[in-house]
Amino acid sequence: MATQFNQQTLLPKLMRELYHHSMKIQFILGGVETEVEAESGRNLLDIALVARLRPPYSCLEGHCGTCEAFIEHGETSEDKTDTHIVRTCQAIPKSDSVRVNYDKVEPK
């Protein structure tokens, strides 16, 4: 007996798993730690704003540096130096778990 490939149910499930991969993001802001689950492909600032965390930001384009935070754990698209400080409006998580600490960066 041959196994039949059910394209109508299997493909949408695979597509959801591939393109809507969720990850855990931990934010530290004002001494409060909050963990949120987020879809892949969004930047850290968007994730924090959707979670209503009220992170610091201004330009949303990576120019001003107001949204800078320290990445304590995990990888992002902006990990280009050893400082672990990223502009969250540009940084997209690359690992399943990222810990973002806004408190470790001096406000601009």
C-alpha atoms as a PDB file:
ATOM      1  CA  MET A   1       0.000   0.000   0.000  1.00  0.00           C
ATOM      2  CA  ALA A   2       1.518   3.314  -1.084  1.00  0.00           C
ATOM      3  CA  THR A   3       1.453   6.359   1.165  1.00  0.00           C
ATOM      4  CA  GLN A   4      -0.463   9.156  -0.502  1.00  0.00           C
ATOM      5  CA  PHE A   5       0.962  12.655  -0.342  1.00  0.00           C
ATOM      6  CA  ASN A   6      -1.770  15.019   0.832  1.00  0.00           C
ATOM      7  CA  GLN A   7      -0.667  18.296  -0.707  1.00  0.00           C
ATOM      8  CA  GLN A   8      -3.577  20.325   0.686  1.00  0.00           C
ATOM      9  CA  THR A   9      -2.720  19.649   4.342  1.00  0.00           C
ATOM     10  CA  LEU A  10       1.030  18.964   4.344  1.00  0.00           C
ATOM     11  CA  LEU A  11       2.289  21.899   2.260  1.00  0.00           C
ATOM     12  CA  PRO A  12       0.545  24.674   4.227  1.00  0.00           C
ATOM     13  CA  LYS A  13       1.882  23.175   7.479  1.00  0.00           C
ATOM     14  CA  LEU A  14       5.429  23.045   6.107  1.00  0.00           C
ATOM     15  CA  MET A  15       5.162  26.608   4.812  1.00  0.00           C
ATOM     16  CA  ARG A  16       3.983  27.853   8.215  1.00  0.00           C
ATOM     17  CA  GLU A  17       6.874  26.092   9.914  1.00  0.00           C
ATOM     18  CA  LEU A  18       9.437  27.463   7.465  1.00  0.00           C
ATOM     19  CA  TYR A  19       8.243  31.044   7.183  1.00  0.00           C
ATOM     20  CA  HIS A  20       6.594  31.652  10.547  1.00  0.00           C
ATOM     21  CA  HIS A  21       9.260  30.237  12.777  1.00  0.00           C
ATOM     22  CA  SER A  22       8.806  31.573  16.281  1.00  0.00           C
ATOM     23  CA  MET A  23      11.563  32.516  18.675  1.00  0.00           C
ATOM     24  CA  LYS A  24      11.837  33.634  22.284  1.00  0.00           C
ATOM     25  CA  ILE A  25      13.086  37.148  22.884  1.00  0.00           C
ATOM     26  CA  GLN A  26      13.892  38.364  26.392  1.00  0.00           C
ATOM     27  CA  PHE A  27      13.932  42.109  26.975  1.00  0.00           C
ATOM     28  CA  ILE A  28      15.352  43.908  29.998  1.00  0.00           C
ATOM     29  CA  LEU A  29      14.016  47.442  30.198  1.00  0.00           C
ATOM     30  CA  GLY A  30      13.819  49.599  33.303  1.00  0.00           C
ATOM     31  CA  GLY A  31      14.902  46.683  35.482  1.00  0.00           C
ATOM     32  CA  VAL A  32      11.969  44.542  34.300  1.00  0.00           C
ATOM     33  CA  GLU A  33      12.574  41.341  32.364  1.00  0.00           C
ATOM     34  CA  THR A  34       9.926  40.331  29.844  1.00  0.00           C
ATOM     35  CA  GLU A  35       9.949  37.310  27.548  1.00  0.00           C
ATOM     36  CA  VAL A  36       7.937  37.342  24.345  1.00  0.00           C
ATOM     37  CA  GLU A  37       7.461  34.900  21.521  1.00  0.00           C
ATOM     38  CA  ALA A  38       7.889  36.461  18.103  1.00  0.00           C
ATOM     39  CA  GLU A  39       7.788  35.532  14.426  1.00  0.00           C
ATOM     40  CA  SER A  40      11.067  35.432  12.577  1.00  0.00           C
ATOM     41  CA  GLY A  41      11.879  38.298  10.225  1.00  0.00           C
ATOM     42  CA  ARG A  42      10.902  41.205  12.506  1.00  0.00           C
ATOM     43  CA  ASN A  43      13.464  43.526  14.042  1.00  0.00           C
ATOM     44  CA  LEU A  44      13.916  43.677  17.803  1.00  0.00           C
ATOM     45  CA  LEU A  45      12.369  47.137  18.130  1.00  0.00           C
ATOM     46  CA  ASP A  46       9.196  46.027  16.318  1.00  0.00           C
ATOM     47  CA  ILE A  47       8.966  42.979  18.559  1.00  0.00           C
ATOM     48  CA  ALA A  48       9.296  45.148  21.678  1.00  0.00           C
ATOM     49  CA  LEU A  49       6.715  47.657  20.417  1.00  0.00           C
ATOM     50  CA  VAL A  50       4.200  44.939  19.552  1.00  0.00           C
ATOM     51  CA  ALA A  51       4.673  43.584  23.090  1.00  0.00           C
ATOM     52  CA  ARG A  52       3.957  47.143  24.388  1.00  0.00           C
ATOM     53  CA  LEU A  53       7.254  47.385  26.247  1.00  0.00           C
ATOM     54  CA  ARG A  54       7.890  51.092  25.469  1.00  0.00           C
ATOM     55  CA  PRO A  55      11.553  50.820  24.441  1.00  0.00           C
ATOM     56  CA  PRO A  56      13.539  53.958  23.587  1.00  0.00           C
ATOM     57  CA  TYR A  57      13.518  54.923  19.898  1.00  0.00           C
ATOM     58  CA  SER A  58      13.302  57.939  17.619  1.00  0.00           C
ATOM     59  CA  CYS A  59      14.098  57.706  13.899  1.00  0.00           C
ATOM     60  CA  LEU A  60      13.308  54.001  13.205  1.00  0.00           C
ATOM     61  CA  GLU A  61      15.983  54.021  10.471  1.00  0.00           C
ATOM     62  CA  GLY A  62      19.206  53.293  12.354  1.00  0.00           C
ATOM     63  CA  HIS A  63      20.580  56.843  12.224  1.00  0.00           C
ATOM     64  CA  CYS A  64      20.089  58.250  15.721  1.00  0.00           C
ATOM     65  CA  GLY A  65      21.154  55.354  17.969  1.00  0.00           C
ATOM     66  CA  THR A  66      18.346  55.993  20.482  1.00  0.00           C
ATOM     67  CA  CYS A  67      17.210  52.359  20.291  1.00  0.00           C
ATOM     68  CA  GLU A  68      20.618  50.827  21.026  1.00  0.00           C
ATOM     69  CA  ALA A  69      20.702  47.839  23.365  1.00  0.00           C
ATOM     70  CA  PHE A  70      23.190  45.247  24.564  1.00  0.00           C
ATOM     71  CA  ILE A  71      22.749  41.682  23.290  1.00  0.00           C
ATOM     72  CA  GLU A  72      23.523  39.415  26.248  1.00  0.00           C
ATOM     73  CA  HIS A  73      22.679  36.148  24.499  1.00  0.00           C
ATOM     74  CA  GLY A  74      21.919  35.075  20.956  1.00  0.00           C
ATOM     75  CA  GLU A  75      22.705  36.411  17.501  1.00  0.00           C
ATOM     76  CA  THR A  76      21.216  39.180  15.371  1.00  0.00           C
ATOM     77  CA  SER A  77      21.757  40.474  11.855  1.00  0.00           C
ATOM     78  CA  GLU A  78      23.664  43.445  13.298  1.00  0.00           C
ATOM     79  CA  ASP A  79      26.317  41.529  15.274  1.00  0.00           C
ATOM     80  CA  LYS A  80      29.252  43.027  13.394  1.00  0.00           C
ATOM     81  CA  THR A  81      31.525  44.012  16.286  1.00  0.00           C
ATOM     82  CA  ASP A  82      32.550  42.583  19.624  1.00  0.00           C
ATOM     83  CA  THR A  83      30.665  45.293  21.529  1.00  0.00           C
ATOM     84  CA  HIS A  84      27.341  43.370  21.389  1.00  0.00           C
ATOM     85  CA  ILE A  85      25.577  46.746  21.106  1.00  0.00           C
ATOM     86  CA  VAL A  86      23.038  46.904  18.289  1.00  0.00           C
ATOM     87  CA  ARG A  87      20.463  49.336  16.994  1.00  0.00           C
ATOM     88  CA  THR A  88      17.309  47.370  17.666  1.00  0.00           C
ATOM     89  CA  CYS A  89      15.416  49.042  14.814  1.00  0.00           C
ATOM     90  CA  GLN A  90      17.823  47.282  12.425  1.00  0.00           C
ATOM     91  CA  ALA A  91      18.683  44.074  14.313  1.00  0.00           C
ATOM     92  CA  ILE A  92      16.758  40.976  13.264  1.00  0.00           C
ATOM     93  CA  PRO A  93      17.174  37.915  15.515  1.00  0.00           C
ATOM     94  CA  LYS A  94      19.124  35.067  13.895  1.00  0.00           C
ATOM     95  CA  SER A  95      18.939  32.572  16.763  1.00  0.00           C
ATOM     96  CA  ASP A  96      15.945  30.948  18.459  1.00  0.00           C
ATOM     97  CA  SER A  97      16.629  32.827  21.680  1.00  0.00           C
ATOM     98  CA  VAL A  98      17.907  36.393  22.107  1.00  0.00           C
ATOM     99  CA  ARG A  99      18.349  38.384  25.310  1.00  0.00           C
ATOM    100  CA  VAL A 100      18.230  42.172  24.815  1.00  0.00           C
ATOM    101  CA  ASN A 101      19.250  44.526  27.621  1.00  0.00           C
ATOM    102  CA  TYR A 102      18.315  48.180  27.108  1.00  0.00           C
ATOM    103  CA  ASP A 103      19.543  49.029  30.627  1.00  0.00           C
ATOM    104  CA  LYS A 104      23.220  48.327  29.806  1.00  0.00           C
ATOM    105  CA  VAL A 105      23.433  51.139  27.233  1.00  0.00           C
ATOM    106  CA  GLU A 106      23.620  54.843  28.119  1.00  0.00           C
ATOM    107  CA  PRO A 107      20.545  56.741  26.834  1.00  0.00           C
ATOM    108  CA  LYS A 108      21.160  59.108  23.918  1.00  0.00           C
END
